[in-house]
Amino acid sequence: MAGLTLDIAGALAAAREFSATGWAAAELLLAIRIGMTEGATARREGETT
């Protein structure tokens, strides 16, 4: 996940809009971060093939 940045304040605000608090908010942020990583990997693999 190196090199990827996530607007934590914005992501927390989005999590609160979904009524996520505590662990649920943390898991939502983790899912967003994982999605960013997978997307970056897919784009990188698409560039090399």
PDB file of N, CA and C in Angstrom:
ATOM      1  N   MET A   1       0.813  -1.193   0.000  1.00  0.00           N
ATOM      2  CA  MET A   1       0.000   0.000   0.000  1.00  0.00           C
ATOM      3  C   MET A   1       0.855   1.256   0.000  1.00  0.00           C
ATOM      4  N   ALA A   2       2.096   1.097  -0.200  1.00  0.00           N
ATOM      5  CA  ALA A   2       2.983   2.251  -0.198  1.00  0.00           C
ATOM      6  C   ALA A   2       2.687   3.150  -1.386  1.00  0.00           C
ATOM      7  N   GLY A   3       2.812   4.433  -1.171  1.00  0.00           N
ATOM      8  CA  GLY A   3       2.615   5.386  -2.249  1.00  0.00           C
ATOM      9  C   GLY A   3       1.177   5.824  -2.447  1.00  0.00           C
ATOM     10  N   LEU A   4       0.242   5.173  -1.797  1.00  0.00           N
ATOM     11  CA  LEU A   4      -1.157   5.566  -1.908  1.00  0.00           C
ATOM     12  C   LEU A   4      -1.528   6.468  -0.741  1.00  0.00           C
ATOM     13  N   THR A   5      -2.291   7.490  -1.024  1.00  0.00           N
ATOM     14  CA  THR A   5      -2.731   8.374   0.047  1.00  0.00           C
ATOM     15  C   THR A   5      -4.242   8.345   0.133  1.00  0.00           C
ATOM     16  N   LEU A   6      -4.740   8.522   1.318  1.00  0.00           N
ATOM     17  CA  LEU A   6      -6.164   8.514   1.575  1.00  0.00           C
ATOM     18  C   LEU A   6      -6.487   9.718   2.438  1.00  0.00           C
ATOM     19  N   ASP A   7      -7.442  10.509   2.013  1.00  0.00           N
ATOM     20  CA  ASP A   7      -7.894  11.650   2.795  1.00  0.00           C
ATOM     21  C   ASP A   7      -8.656  11.105   4.001  1.00  0.00           C
ATOM     22  N   ILE A   8      -7.948  10.952   5.121  1.00  0.00           N
ATOM     23  CA  ILE A   8      -8.530  10.334   6.313  1.00  0.00           C
ATOM     24  C   ILE A   8      -9.726  11.137   6.813  1.00  0.00           C
ATOM     25  N   ALA A   9      -9.605  12.457   6.876  1.00  0.00           N
ATOM     26  CA  ALA A   9     -10.712  13.280   7.373  1.00  0.00           C
ATOM     27  C   ALA A   9     -11.941  13.114   6.481  1.00  0.00           C
ATOM     28  N   GLY A  10     -11.723  13.145   5.181  1.00  0.00           N
ATOM     29  CA  GLY A  10     -12.839  12.957   4.257  1.00  0.00           C
ATOM     30  C   GLY A  10     -13.432  11.565   4.344  1.00  0.00           C
ATOM     31  N   ALA A  11     -12.580  10.569   4.478  1.00  0.00           N
ATOM     32  CA  ALA A  11     -13.060   9.192   4.584  1.00  0.00           C
ATOM     33  C   ALA A  11     -13.833   8.979   5.883  1.00  0.00           C
ATOM     34  N   LEU A  12     -13.368   9.583   6.967  1.00  0.00           N
ATOM     35  CA  LEU A  12     -14.106   9.473   8.232  1.00  0.00           C
ATOM     36  C   LEU A  12     -15.453  10.170   8.146  1.00  0.00           C
ATOM     37  N   ALA A  13     -15.488  11.305   7.470  1.00  0.00           N
ATOM     38  CA  ALA A  13     -16.757  12.001   7.277  1.00  0.00           C
ATOM     39  C   ALA A  13     -17.719  11.132   6.470  1.00  0.00           C
ATOM     40  N   ALA A  14     -17.212  10.469   5.438  1.00  0.00           N
ATOM     41  CA  ALA A  14     -18.052   9.573   4.644  1.00  0.00           C
ATOM     42  C   ALA A  14     -18.531   8.399   5.490  1.00  0.00           C
ATOM     43  N   ALA A  15     -17.656   7.863   6.324  1.00  0.00           N
ATOM     44  CA  ALA A  15     -18.041   6.755   7.197  1.00  0.00           C
ATOM     45  C   ALA A  15     -19.143   7.192   8.156  1.00  0.00           C
ATOM     46  N   ARG A  16     -19.041   8.399   8.669  1.00  0.00           N
ATOM     47  CA  ARG A  16     -20.082   8.899   9.582  1.00  0.00           C
ATOM     48  C   ARG A  16     -21.401   9.094   8.856  1.00  0.00           C
ATOM     49  N   GLU A  17     -21.348   9.480   7.575  1.00  0.00           N
ATOM     50  CA  GLU A  17     -22.582   9.622   6.797  1.00  0.00           C
ATOM     51  C   GLU A  17     -23.291   8.284   6.649  1.00  0.00           C
ATOM     52  N   PHE A  18     -22.523   7.201   6.657  1.00  0.00           N
ATOM     53  CA  PHE A  18     -23.100   5.862   6.608  1.00  0.00           C
ATOM     54  C   PHE A  18     -23.398   5.332   8.011  1.00  0.00           C
ATOM     55  N   SER A  19     -23.302   6.209   9.015  1.00  0.00           N
ATOM     56  CA  SER A  19     -23.550   5.869  10.423  1.00  0.00           C
ATOM     57  C   SER A  19     -22.567   4.841  10.953  1.00  0.00           C
ATOM     58  N   ALA A  20     -21.378   4.791  10.379  1.00  0.00           N
ATOM     59  CA  ALA A  20     -20.347   3.868  10.842  1.00  0.00           C
ATOM     60  C   ALA A  20     -19.526   4.551  11.934  1.00  0.00           C
ATOM     61  N   THR A  21     -19.331   3.853  13.027  1.00  0.00           N
ATOM     62  CA  THR A  21     -18.511   4.368  14.117  1.00  0.00           C
ATOM     63  C   THR A  21     -17.592   3.260  14.611  1.00  0.00           C
ATOM     64  N   GLY A  22     -16.568   3.634  15.329  1.00  0.00           N
ATOM     65  CA  GLY A  22     -15.672   2.661  15.944  1.00  0.00           C
ATOM     66  C   GLY A  22     -15.067   1.698  14.943  1.00  0.00           C
ATOM     67  N   TRP A  23     -15.206   0.388  15.230  1.00  0.00           N
ATOM     68  CA  TRP A  23     -14.619  -0.641  14.391  1.00  0.00           C
ATOM     69  C   TRP A  23     -15.198  -0.632  12.989  1.00  0.00           C
ATOM     70  N   ALA A  24     -16.497  -0.328  12.873  1.00  0.00           N
ATOM     71  CA  ALA A  24     -17.114  -0.305  11.546  1.00  0.00           C
ATOM     72  C   ALA A  24     -16.468   0.757  10.671  1.00  0.00           C
ATOM     73  N   ALA A  25     -16.191   1.915  11.239  1.00  0.00           N
ATOM     74  CA  ALA A  25     -15.523   2.981  10.484  1.00  0.00           C
ATOM     75  C   ALA A  25     -14.113   2.563  10.104  1.00  0.00           C
ATOM     76  N   ALA A  26     -13.411   1.931  11.032  1.00  0.00           N
ATOM     77  CA  ALA A  26     -12.051   1.470  10.744  1.00  0.00           C
ATOM     78  C   ALA A  26     -12.052   0.436   9.622  1.00  0.00           C
ATOM     79  N   GLU A  27     -13.013  -0.476   9.643  1.00  0.00           N
ATOM     80  CA  GLU A  27     -13.091  -1.487   8.591  1.00  0.00           C
ATOM     81  C   GLU A  27     -13.463  -0.870   7.251  1.00  0.00           C
ATOM     82  N   LEU A  28     -14.314   0.150   7.265  1.00  0.00           N
ATOM     83  CA  LEU A  28     -14.662   0.843   6.028  1.00  0.00           C
ATOM     84  C   LEU A  28     -13.432   1.527   5.437  1.00  0.00           C
ATOM     85  N   LEU A  29     -12.643   2.186   6.285  1.00  0.00           N
ATOM     86  CA  LEU A  29     -11.417   2.829   5.820  1.00  0.00           C
ATOM     87  C   LEU A  29     -10.440   1.803   5.263  1.00  0.00           C
ATOM     88  N   LEU A  30     -10.336   0.662   5.923  1.00  0.00           N
ATOM     89  CA  LEU A  30      -9.441  -0.397   5.445  1.00  0.00           C
ATOM     90  C   LEU A  30      -9.921  -0.914   4.086  1.00  0.00           C
ATOM     91  N   ALA A  31     -11.229  -1.095   3.923  1.00  0.00           N
ATOM     92  CA  ALA A  31     -11.761  -1.564   2.642  1.00  0.00           C
ATOM     93  C   ALA A  31     -11.476  -0.566   1.530  1.00  0.00           C
ATOM     94  N   ILE A  32     -11.597   0.728   1.840  1.00  0.00           N
ATOM     95  CA  ILE A  32     -11.289   1.757   0.846  1.00  0.00           C
ATOM     96  C   ILE A  32      -9.821   1.677   0.463  1.00  0.00           C
ATOM     97  N   ARG A  33      -8.964   1.541   1.440  1.00  0.00           N
ATOM     98  CA  ARG A  33      -7.523   1.482   1.188  1.00  0.00           C
ATOM     99  C   ARG A  33      -7.149   0.252   0.370  1.00  0.00           C
ATOM    100  N   ILE A  34      -7.767  -0.894   0.692  1.00  0.00           N
ATOM    101  CA  ILE A  34      -7.508  -2.119  -0.067  1.00  0.00           C
ATOM    102  C   ILE A  34      -7.980  -1.951  -1.506  1.00  0.00           C
ATOM    103  N   GLY A  35      -9.146  -1.338  -1.681  1.00  0.00           N
ATOM    104  CA  GLY A  35      -9.651  -1.085  -3.028  1.00  0.00           C
ATOM    105  C   GLY A  35      -8.725  -0.196  -3.825  1.00  0.00           C
ATOM    106  N   MET A  36      -8.166   0.829  -3.165  1.00  0.00           N
ATOM    107  CA  MET A  36      -7.217   1.709  -3.838  1.00  0.00           C
ATOM    108  C   MET A  36      -5.982   0.921  -4.281  1.00  0.00           C
ATOM    109  N   THR A  37      -5.508   0.045  -3.421  1.00  0.00           N
ATOM    110  CA  THR A  37      -4.327  -0.760  -3.732  1.00  0.00           C
ATOM    111  C   THR A  37      -4.601  -1.701  -4.897  1.00  0.00           C
ATOM    112  N   GLU A  38      -5.753  -2.372  -4.856  1.00  0.00           N
ATOM    113  CA  GLU A  38      -6.087  -3.303  -5.936  1.00  0.00           C
ATOM    114  C   GLU A  38      -6.262  -2.564  -7.259  1.00  0.00           C
ATOM    115  N   GLY A  39      -6.877  -1.391  -7.214  1.00  0.00           N
ATOM    116  CA  GLY A  39      -7.046  -0.600  -8.432  1.00  0.00           C
ATOM    117  C   GLY A  39      -5.719  -0.164  -9.016  1.00  0.00           C
ATOM    118  N   ALA A  40      -4.801   0.277  -8.141  1.00  0.00           N
ATOM    119  CA  ALA A  40      -3.477   0.697  -8.601  1.00  0.00           C
ATOM    120  C   ALA A  40      -2.721  -0.481  -9.205  1.00  0.00           C
ATOM    121  N   THR A  41      -2.837  -1.643  -8.584  1.00  0.00           N
ATOM    122  CA  THR A  41      -2.169  -2.841  -9.092  1.00  0.00           C
ATOM    123  C   THR A  41      -2.739  -3.228 -10.450  1.00  0.00           C
ATOM    124  N   ALA A  42      -4.066  -3.189 -10.583  1.00  0.00           N
ATOM    125  CA  ALA A  42      -4.701  -3.551 -11.860  1.00  0.00           C
ATOM    126  C   ALA A  42      -4.278  -2.588 -12.963  1.00  0.00           C
ATOM    127  N   ARG A  43      -4.202  -1.297 -12.645  1.00  0.00           N
ATOM    128  CA  ARG A  43      -3.765  -0.325 -13.661  1.00  0.00           C
ATOM    129  C   ARG A  43      -2.321  -0.580 -14.060  1.00  0.00           C
ATOM    130  N   ARG A  44      -1.474  -0.868 -13.068  1.00  0.00           N
ATOM    131  CA  ARG A  44      -0.068  -1.125 -13.349  1.00  0.00           C
ATOM    132  C   ARG A  44       0.091  -2.359 -14.221  1.00  0.00           C
ATOM    133  N   GLU A  45      -0.665  -3.420 -13.919  1.00  0.00           N
ATOM    134  CA  GLU A  45      -0.581  -4.637 -14.721  1.00  0.00           C
ATOM    135  C   GLU A  45      -1.117  -4.400 -16.118  1.00  0.00           C
ATOM    136  N   GLY A  46      -2.120  -3.554 -16.264  1.00  0.00           N
ATOM    137  CA  GLY A  46      -2.655  -3.241 -17.571  1.00  0.00           C
ATOM    138  C   GLY A  46      -1.679  -2.459 -18.433  1.00  0.00           C
ATOM    139  N   GLU A  47      -0.826  -1.667 -17.799  1.00  0.00           N
ATOM    140  CA  GLU A  47       0.164  -0.893 -18.537  1.00  0.00           C
ATOM    141  C   GLU A  47       1.294  -1.769 -19.050  1.00  0.00           C
ATOM    142  N   THR A  48       1.604  -2.842 -18.356  1.00  0.00           N
ATOM    143  CA  THR A  48       2.751  -3.665 -18.735  1.00  0.00           C
ATOM    144  C   THR A  48       2.391  -4.728 -19.756  1.00  0.00           C
ATOM    145  N   THR A  49       1.090  -5.010 -19.936  1.00  0.00           N
ATOM    146  CA  THR A  49       0.723  -6.072 -20.886  1.00  0.00           C
ATOM    147  C   THR A  49       0.324  -5.479 -22.213  1.00  0.00           C
TER     148      THR A  49
END
